[in-house]
Amino acid sequence: MIKRTSLLYINSLLSKKKTWKILDLGCGFTANKNANYIADVYDFSEFYTGRKFTKISGKILPFKDNFFDFVIASHVIEHVKDIDFFIKEIQRVAPRGYIELPTRLEDNLLLHRNNIKDHLWLFYFDDNKKILIADKKRQNIEPFITMGLLQKELRNAFRESLVLELYWEKKIEYKKQISKSNKNLKKVYFLTIVKKYISYHLRKNKLTSLVLLLFFATFLLL
């Protein structure tokens, strides 16, 4: 079973489970505050001195079956080549967990190597069939938002549009596919968006359009 949830709800739930073994997998420096076990392919043992850290080497997670009560995989699966094996592994080490993923929109907007080069999959959730769909990564929009303050502001304001938050128990229902509907989509370029924006204001307000033209002309000449 897999369904939509929210990180707010998950944190509230986990904060009450004082005896649970909670693993945050592949979290880097941003482990969930409720996780008492951390695992990553990089060594963050000195950073997580108050929690049990395990360095991962290889595809098989170095934990016994159902060792944990809960496993968190936040912004991890989109990086993994063999998602079939990875999903089997997180199901093996815990009976339930939380998965967080960028939506296809956020993954297309962000101008960062992490998204453009390292993300191998795009995801969306089928609410009718309650199944996670994994699609090969394609760039349909020329990214123009850098990771940082603006990205955080946008994610806070439009989280449901930019982040997939999923809770699962026992089994993660998912499938891989190549979306036929997206195969022939033309890539949307940043300059096209700017031109449309300027054109709109030209028609609406001549004074505003003059200022905008001067601003974007200066921007494009830099």
N, C-alpha and C. Protein backbone atom coordinates (compact mmCIF):
# COMPACT_ATOMS: atom_id res chain seq x y z
N MET A 1 0.84 -1.20 0.00
CA MET A 1 0.00 0.00 0.00
C MET A 1 0.87 1.24 0.00
N ILE A 2 0.54 2.18 -0.86
CA ILE A 2 1.23 3.46 -0.90
C ILE A 2 0.19 4.55 -1.15
N LYS A 3 0.34 5.67 -0.47
CA LYS A 3 -0.62 6.74 -0.61
C LYS A 3 0.04 8.08 -0.33
N ARG A 4 -0.65 9.14 -0.71
CA ARG A 4 -0.15 10.49 -0.43
C ARG A 4 -0.23 10.78 1.07
N THR A 5 0.70 11.59 1.52
CA THR A 5 0.71 12.03 2.91
C THR A 5 1.32 13.43 2.93
N SER A 6 1.83 13.84 4.08
CA SER A 6 2.58 15.09 4.17
C SER A 6 3.71 14.89 5.16
N LEU A 7 4.80 15.57 4.94
CA LEU A 7 5.94 15.48 5.85
C LEU A 7 5.54 15.96 7.25
N LEU A 8 4.66 16.93 7.29
CA LEU A 8 4.17 17.43 8.58
C LEU A 8 3.50 16.31 9.37
N TYR A 9 2.66 15.53 8.71
CA TYR A 9 1.99 14.41 9.38
C TYR A 9 3.00 13.34 9.80
N ILE A 10 3.92 13.02 8.91
CA ILE A 10 4.92 11.98 9.20
C ILE A 10 5.77 12.37 10.41
N ASN A 11 6.20 13.63 10.47
CA ASN A 11 6.99 14.09 11.62
C ASN A 11 6.19 14.02 12.91
N SER A 12 4.92 14.34 12.83
CA SER A 12 4.06 14.26 14.01
C SER A 12 3.93 12.81 14.48
N LEU A 13 3.76 11.90 13.51
CA LEU A 13 3.66 10.48 13.83
C LEU A 13 4.94 9.94 14.46
N LEU A 14 6.07 10.24 13.85
CA LEU A 14 7.35 9.69 14.31
C LEU A 14 7.78 10.26 15.66
N SER A 15 7.39 11.49 15.92
CA SER A 15 7.78 12.11 17.20
C SER A 15 7.16 11.39 18.39
N LYS A 16 6.09 10.64 18.15
CA LYS A 16 5.41 9.90 19.22
C LYS A 16 5.93 8.47 19.38
N LYS A 17 6.72 8.02 18.40
CA LYS A 17 7.21 6.64 18.41
C LYS A 17 8.62 6.60 19.01
N LYS A 18 8.68 6.74 20.32
CA LYS A 18 9.96 6.86 21.02
C LYS A 18 10.79 5.59 20.95
N THR A 19 10.16 4.43 20.82
CA THR A 19 10.89 3.16 20.83
C THR A 19 11.22 2.66 19.42
N TRP A 20 10.76 3.35 18.40
CA TRP A 20 10.98 2.90 17.02
C TRP A 20 12.43 3.11 16.59
N LYS A 21 12.91 2.19 15.77
CA LYS A 21 14.16 2.37 15.06
C LYS A 21 13.82 3.02 13.72
N ILE A 22 14.27 4.24 13.54
CA ILE A 22 13.91 5.02 12.35
C ILE A 22 15.17 5.33 11.55
N LEU A 23 15.21 4.86 10.32
CA LEU A 23 16.36 5.05 9.44
C LEU A 23 16.09 6.16 8.43
N ASP A 24 17.04 7.08 8.30
CA ASP A 24 17.01 8.05 7.20
C ASP A 24 18.11 7.64 6.24
N LEU A 25 17.72 7.29 5.02
CA LEU A 25 18.61 6.70 4.04
C LEU A 25 18.99 7.71 2.96
N GLY A 26 20.30 7.92 2.78
CA GLY A 26 20.78 8.80 1.72
C GLY A 26 20.44 10.26 1.91
N CYS A 27 20.47 10.72 3.15
CA CYS A 27 19.99 12.07 3.47
C CYS A 27 21.07 13.15 3.44
N GLY A 28 22.34 12.76 3.31
CA GLY A 28 23.39 13.77 3.35
C GLY A 28 23.43 14.46 4.70
N PHE A 29 23.44 15.80 4.66
CA PHE A 29 23.48 16.59 5.90
C PHE A 29 22.09 16.95 6.43
N THR A 30 21.04 16.44 5.77
CA THR A 30 19.69 16.90 6.12
C THR A 30 18.80 15.77 6.64
N ALA A 31 19.31 15.00 7.57
CA ALA A 31 18.53 13.88 8.12
C ALA A 31 17.29 14.37 8.85
N ASN A 32 16.25 13.58 8.78
CA ASN A 32 15.02 13.88 9.52
C ASN A 32 15.32 13.94 11.01
N LYS A 33 14.73 14.89 11.69
CA LYS A 33 15.00 15.10 13.11
C LYS A 33 14.59 13.90 13.97
N ASN A 34 13.68 13.07 13.48
CA ASN A 34 13.20 11.92 14.25
C ASN A 34 14.00 10.65 14.00
N ALA A 35 14.90 10.68 13.02
CA ALA A 35 15.68 9.49 12.68
C ALA A 35 16.79 9.27 13.71
N ASN A 36 16.86 8.05 14.24
CA ASN A 36 17.96 7.72 15.17
C ASN A 36 19.04 6.87 14.51
N TYR A 37 18.80 6.48 13.25
CA TYR A 37 19.79 5.78 12.43
C TYR A 37 19.94 6.54 11.10
N ILE A 38 21.19 6.70 10.68
CA ILE A 38 21.49 7.39 9.41
C ILE A 38 22.35 6.48 8.56
N ALA A 39 22.08 6.44 7.26
CA ALA A 39 22.91 5.66 6.34
C ALA A 39 23.10 6.44 5.04
N ASP A 40 24.32 6.40 4.53
CA ASP A 40 24.63 7.14 3.30
C ASP A 40 25.85 6.51 2.64
N VAL A 41 25.99 6.79 1.34
CA VAL A 41 27.18 6.28 0.63
C VAL A 41 28.42 7.09 0.98
N TYR A 42 28.22 8.29 1.54
CA TYR A 42 29.33 9.11 2.00
C TYR A 42 29.42 9.05 3.52
N ASP A 43 30.60 9.31 4.04
CA ASP A 43 30.82 9.19 5.48
C ASP A 43 30.45 10.48 6.20
N PHE A 44 29.30 10.47 6.87
CA PHE A 44 28.86 11.61 7.67
C PHE A 44 28.89 11.28 9.16
N SER A 45 29.73 10.32 9.54
CA SER A 45 29.76 9.85 10.93
C SER A 45 30.14 10.96 11.91
N GLU A 46 31.03 11.85 11.49
CA GLU A 46 31.44 12.94 12.38
C GLU A 46 30.36 14.00 12.51
N PHE A 47 29.52 14.10 11.51
CA PHE A 47 28.43 15.09 11.54
C PHE A 47 27.29 14.59 12.43
N TYR A 48 27.00 13.29 12.35
CA TYR A 48 25.89 12.71 13.12
C TYR A 48 26.43 11.98 14.37
N THR A 49 27.12 12.70 15.20
CA THR A 49 27.75 12.09 16.37
C THR A 49 26.74 11.58 17.40
N GLY A 50 25.56 12.16 17.43
CA GLY A 50 24.56 11.74 18.41
C GLY A 50 23.65 10.63 17.93
N ARG A 51 23.88 10.14 16.71
CA ARG A 51 23.04 9.08 16.15
C ARG A 51 23.92 7.98 15.55
N LYS A 52 23.32 6.83 15.34
CA LYS A 52 24.09 5.71 14.79
C LYS A 52 24.20 5.86 13.27
N PHE A 53 25.43 5.97 12.78
CA PHE A 53 25.65 6.16 11.35
C PHE A 53 26.25 4.91 10.72
N THR A 54 25.75 4.57 9.52
CA THR A 54 26.28 3.44 8.75
C THR A 54 26.63 3.89 7.35
N LYS A 55 27.86 3.61 6.93
CA LYS A 55 28.27 3.94 5.56
C LYS A 55 27.91 2.78 4.64
N ILE A 56 27.25 3.10 3.56
CA ILE A 56 26.79 2.09 2.61
C ILE A 56 27.82 1.91 1.50
N SER A 57 28.13 0.66 1.20
CA SER A 57 29.01 0.36 0.07
C SER A 57 28.40 -0.81 -0.68
N GLY A 58 27.87 -0.54 -1.84
CA GLY A 58 27.19 -1.58 -2.61
C GLY A 58 25.69 -1.41 -2.58
N LYS A 59 24.99 -2.23 -3.38
CA LYS A 59 23.55 -2.11 -3.54
C LYS A 59 22.76 -2.66 -2.35
N ILE A 60 23.32 -3.70 -1.72
CA ILE A 60 22.60 -4.34 -0.62
C ILE A 60 22.77 -3.52 0.66
N LEU A 61 21.67 -3.17 1.28
CA LEU A 61 21.74 -2.41 2.53
C LEU A 61 22.25 -3.31 3.65
N PRO A 62 23.21 -2.83 4.45
CA PRO A 62 23.86 -3.68 5.47
C PRO A 62 23.03 -3.82 6.75
N PHE A 63 21.76 -4.21 6.59
CA PHE A 63 20.86 -4.37 7.73
C PHE A 63 20.06 -5.65 7.57
N LYS A 64 19.67 -6.24 8.68
CA LYS A 64 18.86 -7.45 8.68
C LYS A 64 17.43 -7.14 8.25
N ASP A 65 16.71 -8.16 7.88
CA ASP A 65 15.30 -8.00 7.49
C ASP A 65 14.50 -7.41 8.65
N ASN A 66 13.69 -6.40 8.32
CA ASN A 66 12.82 -5.74 9.31
C ASN A 66 13.57 -5.26 10.55
N PHE A 67 14.80 -4.84 10.33
CA PHE A 67 15.59 -4.31 11.45
C PHE A 67 15.00 -2.99 11.96
N PHE A 68 14.41 -2.22 11.04
CA PHE A 68 13.85 -0.92 11.40
C PHE A 68 12.32 -0.97 11.45
N ASP A 69 11.77 -0.02 12.16
CA ASP A 69 10.31 0.15 12.19
C ASP A 69 9.84 1.08 11.07
N PHE A 70 10.76 1.95 10.64
CA PHE A 70 10.37 2.98 9.66
C PHE A 70 11.62 3.41 8.90
N VAL A 71 11.48 3.59 7.58
CA VAL A 71 12.61 4.05 6.78
C VAL A 71 12.20 5.26 5.94
N ILE A 72 13.05 6.27 5.94
CA ILE A 72 12.81 7.50 5.18
C ILE A 72 13.77 7.53 4.00
N ALA A 73 13.24 7.74 2.81
CA ALA A 73 14.05 7.92 1.61
C ALA A 73 13.60 9.22 0.93
N SER A 74 14.27 10.30 1.29
CA SER A 74 13.87 11.62 0.82
C SER A 74 14.81 12.10 -0.28
N HIS A 75 14.27 12.26 -1.48
CA HIS A 75 15.04 12.71 -2.64
C HIS A 75 16.24 11.80 -2.88
N VAL A 76 15.95 10.51 -2.93
CA VAL A 76 16.99 9.49 -3.14
C VAL A 76 16.71 8.66 -4.39
N ILE A 77 15.48 8.17 -4.53
CA ILE A 77 15.18 7.18 -5.56
C ILE A 77 15.43 7.71 -6.98
N GLU A 78 15.25 9.01 -7.18
CA GLU A 78 15.45 9.57 -8.52
C GLU A 78 16.91 9.47 -8.99
N HIS A 79 17.83 9.21 -8.05
CA HIS A 79 19.26 9.08 -8.37
C HIS A 79 19.66 7.63 -8.69
N VAL A 80 18.81 6.67 -8.35
CA VAL A 80 19.19 5.25 -8.36
C VAL A 80 18.95 4.62 -9.73
N LYS A 81 19.97 3.95 -10.26
CA LYS A 81 19.82 3.28 -11.56
C LYS A 81 18.86 2.11 -11.47
N ASP A 82 19.08 1.24 -10.51
CA ASP A 82 18.25 0.04 -10.36
C ASP A 82 17.20 0.28 -9.29
N ILE A 83 16.11 0.93 -9.67
CA ILE A 83 15.09 1.26 -8.67
C ILE A 83 14.33 0.01 -8.21
N ASP A 84 14.29 -1.02 -9.05
CA ASP A 84 13.63 -2.27 -8.64
C ASP A 84 14.33 -2.85 -7.41
N PHE A 85 15.64 -2.93 -7.48
CA PHE A 85 16.41 -3.50 -6.38
C PHE A 85 16.35 -2.59 -5.15
N PHE A 86 16.45 -1.28 -5.38
CA PHE A 86 16.43 -0.34 -4.26
C PHE A 86 15.11 -0.41 -3.49
N ILE A 87 14.01 -0.45 -4.22
CA ILE A 87 12.70 -0.53 -3.57
C ILE A 87 12.54 -1.84 -2.80
N LYS A 88 13.03 -2.93 -3.37
CA LYS A 88 12.99 -4.22 -2.66
C LYS A 88 13.78 -4.14 -1.35
N GLU A 89 14.91 -3.44 -1.38
CA GLU A 89 15.77 -3.33 -0.20
C GLU A 89 15.11 -2.52 0.92
N ILE A 90 14.49 -1.39 0.58
CA ILE A 90 13.88 -0.61 1.65
C ILE A 90 12.63 -1.32 2.20
N GLN A 91 11.97 -2.11 1.35
CA GLN A 91 10.85 -2.93 1.83
C GLN A 91 11.36 -4.06 2.73
N ARG A 92 12.56 -4.53 2.45
CA ARG A 92 13.13 -5.64 3.22
C ARG A 92 13.52 -5.20 4.64
N VAL A 93 14.07 -3.97 4.78
CA VAL A 93 14.62 -3.57 6.08
C VAL A 93 13.58 -2.92 6.99
N ALA A 94 12.40 -2.60 6.46
CA ALA A 94 11.35 -1.98 7.29
C ALA A 94 9.98 -2.31 6.73
N PRO A 95 8.96 -2.36 7.57
CA PRO A 95 7.60 -2.67 7.11
C PRO A 95 6.83 -1.45 6.62
N ARG A 96 7.41 -0.26 6.81
CA ARG A 96 6.71 0.97 6.44
C ARG A 96 7.73 2.10 6.27
N GLY A 97 7.29 3.19 5.63
CA GLY A 97 8.22 4.29 5.46
C GLY A 97 7.63 5.48 4.73
N TYR A 98 8.51 6.45 4.50
CA TYR A 98 8.13 7.71 3.84
C TYR A 98 9.07 7.93 2.67
N ILE A 99 8.50 8.26 1.53
CA ILE A 99 9.27 8.59 0.33
C ILE A 99 8.94 10.02 -0.09
N GLU A 100 9.97 10.81 -0.31
CA GLU A 100 9.77 12.17 -0.82
C GLU A 100 10.54 12.31 -2.12
N LEU A 101 9.87 12.89 -3.12
CA LEU A 101 10.44 13.02 -4.46
C LEU A 101 10.09 14.38 -5.05
N PRO A 102 10.95 14.90 -5.94
CA PRO A 102 10.54 16.10 -6.67
C PRO A 102 9.50 15.74 -7.71
N THR A 103 8.53 16.59 -7.91
CA THR A 103 7.58 16.36 -9.00
C THR A 103 8.29 16.61 -10.33
N ARG A 104 7.64 16.23 -11.40
CA ARG A 104 8.22 16.46 -12.73
C ARG A 104 8.41 17.95 -12.99
N LEU A 105 7.52 18.78 -12.42
CA LEU A 105 7.64 20.22 -12.61
C LEU A 105 8.90 20.76 -11.94
N GLU A 106 9.08 20.44 -10.66
CA GLU A 106 10.27 20.96 -9.97
C GLU A 106 11.55 20.46 -10.60
N ASP A 107 11.54 19.19 -11.00
CA ASP A 107 12.76 18.62 -11.58
C ASP A 107 13.14 19.29 -12.89
N ASN A 108 12.14 19.81 -13.59
CA ASN A 108 12.42 20.53 -14.84
C ASN A 108 12.83 21.97 -14.62
N LEU A 109 12.40 22.56 -13.52
CA LEU A 109 12.65 23.99 -13.29
C LEU A 109 14.05 24.29 -12.76
N LEU A 110 14.61 23.36 -11.97
CA LEU A 110 15.83 23.67 -11.23
C LEU A 110 17.08 23.58 -12.09
N LEU A 111 17.86 24.66 -12.05
CA LEU A 111 19.12 24.75 -12.78
C LEU A 111 20.25 24.29 -11.85
N HIS A 112 20.46 22.98 -11.80
CA HIS A 112 21.46 22.43 -10.90
C HIS A 112 21.88 21.06 -11.41
N ARG A 113 23.17 20.76 -11.30
CA ARG A 113 23.68 19.47 -11.79
C ARG A 113 22.92 18.32 -11.15
N ASN A 114 22.57 18.48 -9.88
CA ASN A 114 21.86 17.44 -9.15
C ASN A 114 20.59 17.01 -9.89
N ASN A 115 19.89 17.97 -10.46
CA ASN A 115 18.66 17.68 -11.20
C ASN A 115 18.94 17.30 -12.65
N ILE A 116 19.79 18.07 -13.30
CA ILE A 116 19.98 17.91 -14.74
C ILE A 116 20.77 16.65 -15.07
N LYS A 117 21.83 16.37 -14.33
CA LYS A 117 22.72 15.25 -14.64
C LYS A 117 22.48 14.02 -13.77
N ASP A 118 22.24 14.22 -12.48
CA ASP A 118 22.22 13.10 -11.55
C ASP A 118 20.85 12.44 -11.38
N HIS A 119 19.79 13.16 -11.70
CA HIS A 119 18.46 12.56 -11.60
C HIS A 119 18.20 11.71 -12.85
N LEU A 120 17.88 10.44 -12.63
CA LEU A 120 17.68 9.51 -13.74
C LEU A 120 16.22 9.24 -14.05
N TRP A 121 15.35 9.58 -13.08
CA TRP A 121 13.92 9.27 -13.20
C TRP A 121 13.07 10.47 -12.84
N LEU A 122 11.91 10.54 -13.47
CA LEU A 122 10.85 11.47 -13.07
C LEU A 122 9.71 10.63 -12.50
N PHE A 123 9.00 11.19 -11.53
CA PHE A 123 7.94 10.43 -10.86
C PHE A 123 6.63 11.20 -10.81
N TYR A 124 5.54 10.46 -10.88
CA TYR A 124 4.24 11.02 -10.52
C TYR A 124 3.42 9.92 -9.87
N PHE A 125 2.37 10.31 -9.18
CA PHE A 125 1.57 9.36 -8.42
C PHE A 125 0.18 9.26 -9.02
N ASP A 126 -0.24 8.04 -9.31
CA ASP A 126 -1.59 7.78 -9.83
C ASP A 126 -2.52 7.62 -8.63
N ASP A 127 -3.35 8.63 -8.37
CA ASP A 127 -4.22 8.62 -7.20
C ASP A 127 -5.35 7.61 -7.32
N ASN A 128 -5.75 7.28 -8.54
CA ASN A 128 -6.84 6.31 -8.73
C ASN A 128 -6.37 4.88 -8.44
N LYS A 129 -5.21 4.54 -8.98
CA LYS A 129 -4.69 3.18 -8.81
C LYS A 129 -3.76 3.06 -7.60
N LYS A 130 -3.45 4.20 -6.96
CA LYS A 130 -2.54 4.21 -5.81
C LYS A 130 -1.22 3.53 -6.16
N ILE A 131 -0.58 4.08 -7.19
CA ILE A 131 0.67 3.50 -7.67
C ILE A 131 1.64 4.62 -8.06
N LEU A 132 2.90 4.41 -7.76
CA LEU A 132 3.95 5.36 -8.11
C LEU A 132 4.47 5.03 -9.50
N ILE A 133 4.50 6.02 -10.38
CA ILE A 133 4.96 5.82 -11.75
C ILE A 133 6.35 6.42 -11.90
N ALA A 134 7.29 5.59 -12.37
CA ALA A 134 8.66 6.05 -12.63
C ALA A 134 8.87 6.14 -14.14
N ASP A 135 9.33 7.29 -14.58
CA ASP A 135 9.52 7.55 -16.01
C ASP A 135 10.96 8.00 -16.22
N LYS A 136 11.56 7.62 -17.34
CA LYS A 136 12.92 8.05 -17.64
C LYS A 136 12.99 9.58 -17.70
N LYS A 137 14.05 10.15 -17.14
CA LYS A 137 14.18 11.60 -17.05
C LYS A 137 14.31 12.22 -18.44
N ARG A 138 13.49 13.24 -18.68
CA ARG A 138 13.59 14.06 -19.88
C ARG A 138 13.42 15.51 -19.46
N GLN A 139 14.15 16.39 -20.09
CA GLN A 139 14.08 17.80 -19.77
C GLN A 139 13.12 18.47 -20.75
N ASN A 140 11.92 18.82 -20.28
CA ASN A 140 10.91 19.45 -21.14
C ASN A 140 10.89 20.97 -21.00
N ILE A 141 11.56 21.47 -19.95
CA ILE A 141 11.66 22.91 -19.75
C ILE A 141 13.12 23.26 -19.54
N GLU A 142 13.59 24.32 -20.19
CA GLU A 142 14.95 24.78 -19.92
C GLU A 142 14.98 25.33 -18.49
N PRO A 143 15.74 24.72 -17.58
CA PRO A 143 15.71 25.14 -16.18
C PRO A 143 16.26 26.55 -15.99
N PHE A 144 15.62 27.32 -15.10
CA PHE A 144 16.07 28.70 -14.89
C PHE A 144 15.97 29.14 -13.44
N ILE A 145 15.68 28.21 -12.52
CA ILE A 145 15.64 28.54 -11.09
C ILE A 145 16.78 27.80 -10.40
N THR A 146 17.68 28.54 -9.77
CA THR A 146 18.79 27.92 -9.08
C THR A 146 18.36 27.47 -7.69
N MET A 147 19.03 26.45 -7.18
CA MET A 147 18.74 25.97 -5.83
C MET A 147 19.21 27.03 -4.84
N GLY A 148 18.37 27.34 -3.89
CA GLY A 148 18.71 28.37 -2.92
C GLY A 148 17.45 28.99 -2.35
N LEU A 149 17.52 30.27 -2.04
CA LEU A 149 16.42 30.97 -1.38
C LEU A 149 15.15 30.94 -2.21
N LEU A 150 15.25 31.23 -3.51
CA LEU A 150 14.06 31.27 -4.37
C LEU A 150 13.40 29.89 -4.44
N GLN A 151 14.23 28.84 -4.58
CA GLN A 151 13.68 27.49 -4.63
C GLN A 151 12.95 27.16 -3.33
N LYS A 152 13.55 27.53 -2.20
CA LYS A 152 12.92 27.26 -0.90
C LYS A 152 11.60 28.01 -0.75
N GLU A 153 11.60 29.27 -1.22
CA GLU A 153 10.38 30.07 -1.16
C GLU A 153 9.27 29.45 -2.01
N LEU A 154 9.64 29.02 -3.22
CA LEU A 154 8.66 28.40 -4.11
C LEU A 154 8.15 27.09 -3.54
N ARG A 155 9.07 26.29 -2.96
CA ARG A 155 8.66 25.01 -2.39
C ARG A 155 7.73 25.21 -1.19
N ASN A 156 8.00 26.24 -0.40
CA ASN A 156 7.12 26.53 0.73
C ASN A 156 5.73 26.96 0.27
N ALA A 157 5.69 27.75 -0.79
CA ALA A 157 4.42 28.30 -1.28
C ALA A 157 3.63 27.28 -2.11
N PHE A 158 4.34 26.42 -2.85
CA PHE A 158 3.66 25.51 -3.78
C PHE A 158 4.14 24.06 -3.58
N ARG A 159 4.28 23.66 -2.32
CA ARG A 159 4.86 22.35 -2.01
C ARG A 159 4.12 21.20 -2.69
N GLU A 160 2.80 21.25 -2.70
CA GLU A 160 2.03 20.16 -3.28
C GLU A 160 2.25 20.03 -4.79
N SER A 161 2.71 21.10 -5.44
CA SER A 161 2.99 21.06 -6.87
C SER A 161 4.44 20.68 -7.17
N LEU A 162 5.31 20.85 -6.20
CA LEU A 162 6.75 20.64 -6.42
C LEU A 162 7.33 19.42 -5.73
N VAL A 163 6.59 18.86 -4.77
CA VAL A 163 7.12 17.73 -3.99
C VAL A 163 6.06 16.63 -3.86
N LEU A 164 6.47 15.38 -4.10
CA LEU A 164 5.62 14.22 -3.85
C LEU A 164 5.95 13.68 -2.46
N GLU A 165 4.93 13.55 -1.61
CA GLU A 165 5.11 13.05 -0.25
C GLU A 165 4.25 11.79 -0.10
N LEU A 166 4.91 10.65 0.12
CA LEU A 166 4.22 9.37 0.07
C LEU A 166 4.52 8.51 1.29
N TYR A 167 3.48 7.87 1.80
CA TYR A 167 3.60 6.92 2.90
C TYR A 167 3.31 5.52 2.37
N TRP A 168 4.09 4.53 2.80
CA TRP A 168 3.85 3.15 2.34
C TRP A 168 3.90 2.18 3.51
N GLU A 169 3.20 1.07 3.33
CA GLU A 169 3.21 -0.04 4.28
C GLU A 169 3.29 -1.35 3.51
N LYS A 170 4.15 -2.24 3.98
CA LYS A 170 4.31 -3.61 3.46
C LYS A 170 4.87 -3.65 2.04
N LYS A 171 4.20 -2.95 1.10
CA LYS A 171 4.66 -3.03 -0.28
C LYS A 171 4.47 -1.68 -0.98
N ILE A 172 5.48 -1.30 -1.75
CA ILE A 172 5.43 -0.07 -2.53
C ILE A 172 4.94 -0.41 -3.94
N GLU A 173 3.72 -0.05 -4.23
CA GLU A 173 3.17 -0.30 -5.56
C GLU A 173 3.75 0.73 -6.53
N TYR A 174 4.45 0.25 -7.56
CA TYR A 174 5.06 1.16 -8.53
C TYR A 174 5.22 0.45 -9.86
N LYS A 175 5.48 1.23 -10.89
CA LYS A 175 5.84 0.65 -12.18
C LYS A 175 6.68 1.65 -12.96
N LYS A 176 7.49 1.11 -13.86
CA LYS A 176 8.32 1.94 -14.74
C LYS A 176 7.65 1.99 -16.11
N GLN A 177 7.74 3.14 -16.74
CA GLN A 177 7.15 3.26 -18.07
C GLN A 177 7.81 4.41 -18.81
N ILE A 178 7.58 4.43 -20.11
CA ILE A 178 7.98 5.57 -20.94
C ILE A 178 6.70 6.23 -21.41
N SER A 179 6.46 7.45 -20.93
CA SER A 179 5.19 8.12 -21.20
C SER A 179 5.08 8.50 -22.67
N LYS A 180 4.15 7.87 -23.36
CA LYS A 180 3.95 8.16 -24.78
C LYS A 180 3.51 9.60 -24.98
N SER A 181 2.75 10.13 -24.00
CA SER A 181 2.21 11.48 -24.14
C SER A 181 3.29 12.54 -24.08
N ASN A 182 4.45 12.19 -23.51
CA ASN A 182 5.51 13.18 -23.35
C ASN A 182 6.62 13.05 -24.39
N LYS A 183 6.54 12.00 -25.20
CA LYS A 183 7.63 11.73 -26.13
C LYS A 183 7.87 12.88 -27.11
N ASN A 184 6.80 13.46 -27.61
CA ASN A 184 6.92 14.47 -28.67
C ASN A 184 6.73 15.90 -28.18
N LEU A 185 6.79 16.09 -26.86
CA LEU A 185 6.65 17.43 -26.33
C LEU A 185 7.85 18.29 -26.72
N LYS A 186 7.57 19.50 -27.17
CA LYS A 186 8.65 20.42 -27.50
C LYS A 186 9.18 21.04 -26.22
N LYS A 187 10.48 21.22 -26.17
CA LYS A 187 11.11 21.81 -25.00
C LYS A 187 10.76 23.29 -24.92
N VAL A 188 10.38 23.73 -23.72
CA VAL A 188 10.07 25.14 -23.48
C VAL A 188 11.34 25.84 -23.02
N TYR A 189 11.71 26.90 -23.72
CA TYR A 189 12.96 27.60 -23.42
C TYR A 189 12.70 28.86 -22.61
N PHE A 190 13.69 29.20 -21.78
CA PHE A 190 13.57 30.35 -20.90
C PHE A 190 13.32 31.64 -21.69
N LEU A 191 14.04 31.82 -22.78
CA LEU A 191 13.87 33.04 -23.58
C LEU A 191 12.46 33.13 -24.16
N THR A 192 11.87 31.99 -24.48
CA THR A 192 10.49 31.99 -24.98
C THR A 192 9.54 32.49 -23.90
N ILE A 193 9.77 32.05 -22.65
CA ILE A 193 8.95 32.51 -21.53
C ILE A 193 9.09 34.01 -21.35
N VAL A 194 10.33 34.51 -21.42
CA VAL A 194 10.59 35.95 -21.27
C VAL A 194 9.89 36.74 -22.37
N LYS A 195 9.99 36.25 -23.61
CA LYS A 195 9.35 36.94 -24.73
C LYS A 195 7.84 37.02 -24.56
N LYS A 196 7.24 35.92 -24.12
CA LYS A 196 5.80 35.89 -23.90
C LYS A 196 5.41 36.86 -22.79
N TYR A 197 6.23 36.91 -21.77
CA TYR A 197 5.97 37.82 -20.64
C TYR A 197 6.03 39.27 -21.09
N ILE A 198 7.06 39.62 -21.86
CA ILE A 198 7.21 40.99 -22.36
C ILE A 198 6.06 41.34 -23.30
N SER A 199 5.71 40.40 -24.19
CA SER A 199 4.62 40.62 -25.14
C SER A 199 3.31 40.93 -24.43
N TYR A 200 3.05 40.19 -23.35
CA TYR A 200 1.83 40.40 -22.57
C TYR A 200 1.78 41.82 -22.01
N HIS A 201 2.88 42.25 -21.41
CA HIS A 201 2.91 43.58 -20.81
C HIS A 201 2.94 44.70 -21.84
N LEU A 202 3.48 44.42 -23.02
CA LEU A 202 3.43 45.40 -24.10
C LEU A 202 2.00 45.72 -24.47
N ARG A 203 1.19 44.68 -24.54
CA ARG A 203 -0.21 44.87 -24.90
C ARG A 203 -0.99 45.51 -23.76
N LYS A 204 -0.59 45.25 -22.53
CA LYS A 204 -1.37 45.69 -21.38
C LYS A 204 -1.02 47.10 -20.92
N ASN A 205 0.25 47.41 -20.89
CA ASN A 205 0.68 48.68 -20.31
C ASN A 205 1.94 49.16 -21.01
N LYS A 206 1.83 50.24 -21.75
CA LYS A 206 2.96 50.72 -22.55
C LYS A 206 4.12 51.20 -21.68
N LEU A 207 3.82 51.89 -20.58
CA LEU A 207 4.88 52.40 -19.71
C LEU A 207 5.63 51.25 -19.03
N THR A 208 4.87 50.30 -18.52
CA THR A 208 5.48 49.13 -17.89
C THR A 208 6.30 48.35 -18.90
N SER A 209 5.79 48.25 -20.11
CA SER A 209 6.49 47.48 -21.14
C SER A 209 7.82 48.12 -21.50
N LEU A 210 7.88 49.44 -21.50
CA LEU A 210 9.12 50.14 -21.81
C LEU A 210 10.18 49.84 -20.75
N VAL A 211 9.76 49.88 -19.49
CA VAL A 211 10.69 49.58 -18.39
C VAL A 211 11.16 48.13 -18.48
N LEU A 212 10.23 47.23 -18.78
CA LEU A 212 10.57 45.82 -18.89
C LEU A 212 11.52 45.56 -20.05
N LEU A 213 11.28 46.23 -21.15
CA LEU A 213 12.15 46.06 -22.31
C LEU A 213 13.58 46.50 -21.99
N LEU A 214 13.69 47.64 -21.32
CA LEU A 214 15.02 48.13 -20.94
C LEU A 214 15.71 47.18 -19.97
N PHE A 215 14.92 46.65 -19.02
CA PHE A 215 15.47 45.73 -18.02
C PHE A 215 15.98 44.45 -18.67
N PHE A 216 15.15 43.83 -19.50
CA PHE A 216 15.53 42.56 -20.10
C PHE A 216 16.59 42.74 -21.17
N ALA A 217 16.60 43.89 -21.85
CA ALA A 217 17.66 44.15 -22.81
C ALA A 217 19.02 44.23 -22.10
N THR A 218 19.01 44.90 -20.93
CA THR A 218 20.24 44.98 -20.13
C THR A 218 20.65 43.61 -19.64
N PHE A 219 19.66 42.81 -19.19
CA PHE A 219 19.91 41.46 -18.67
C PHE A 219 20.51 40.56 -19.74
N LEU A 220 19.98 40.63 -20.95
CA LEU A 220 20.43 39.75 -22.02
C LEU A 220 21.80 40.16 -22.56
N LEU A 221 22.16 41.42 -22.39
CA LEU A 221 23.45 41.90 -22.87
C LEU A 221 24.59 41.63 -21.91
N LEU A 222 24.25 41.29 -20.64
CA LEU A 222 25.28 41.03 -19.63
C LEU A 222 26.09 39.77 -19.95
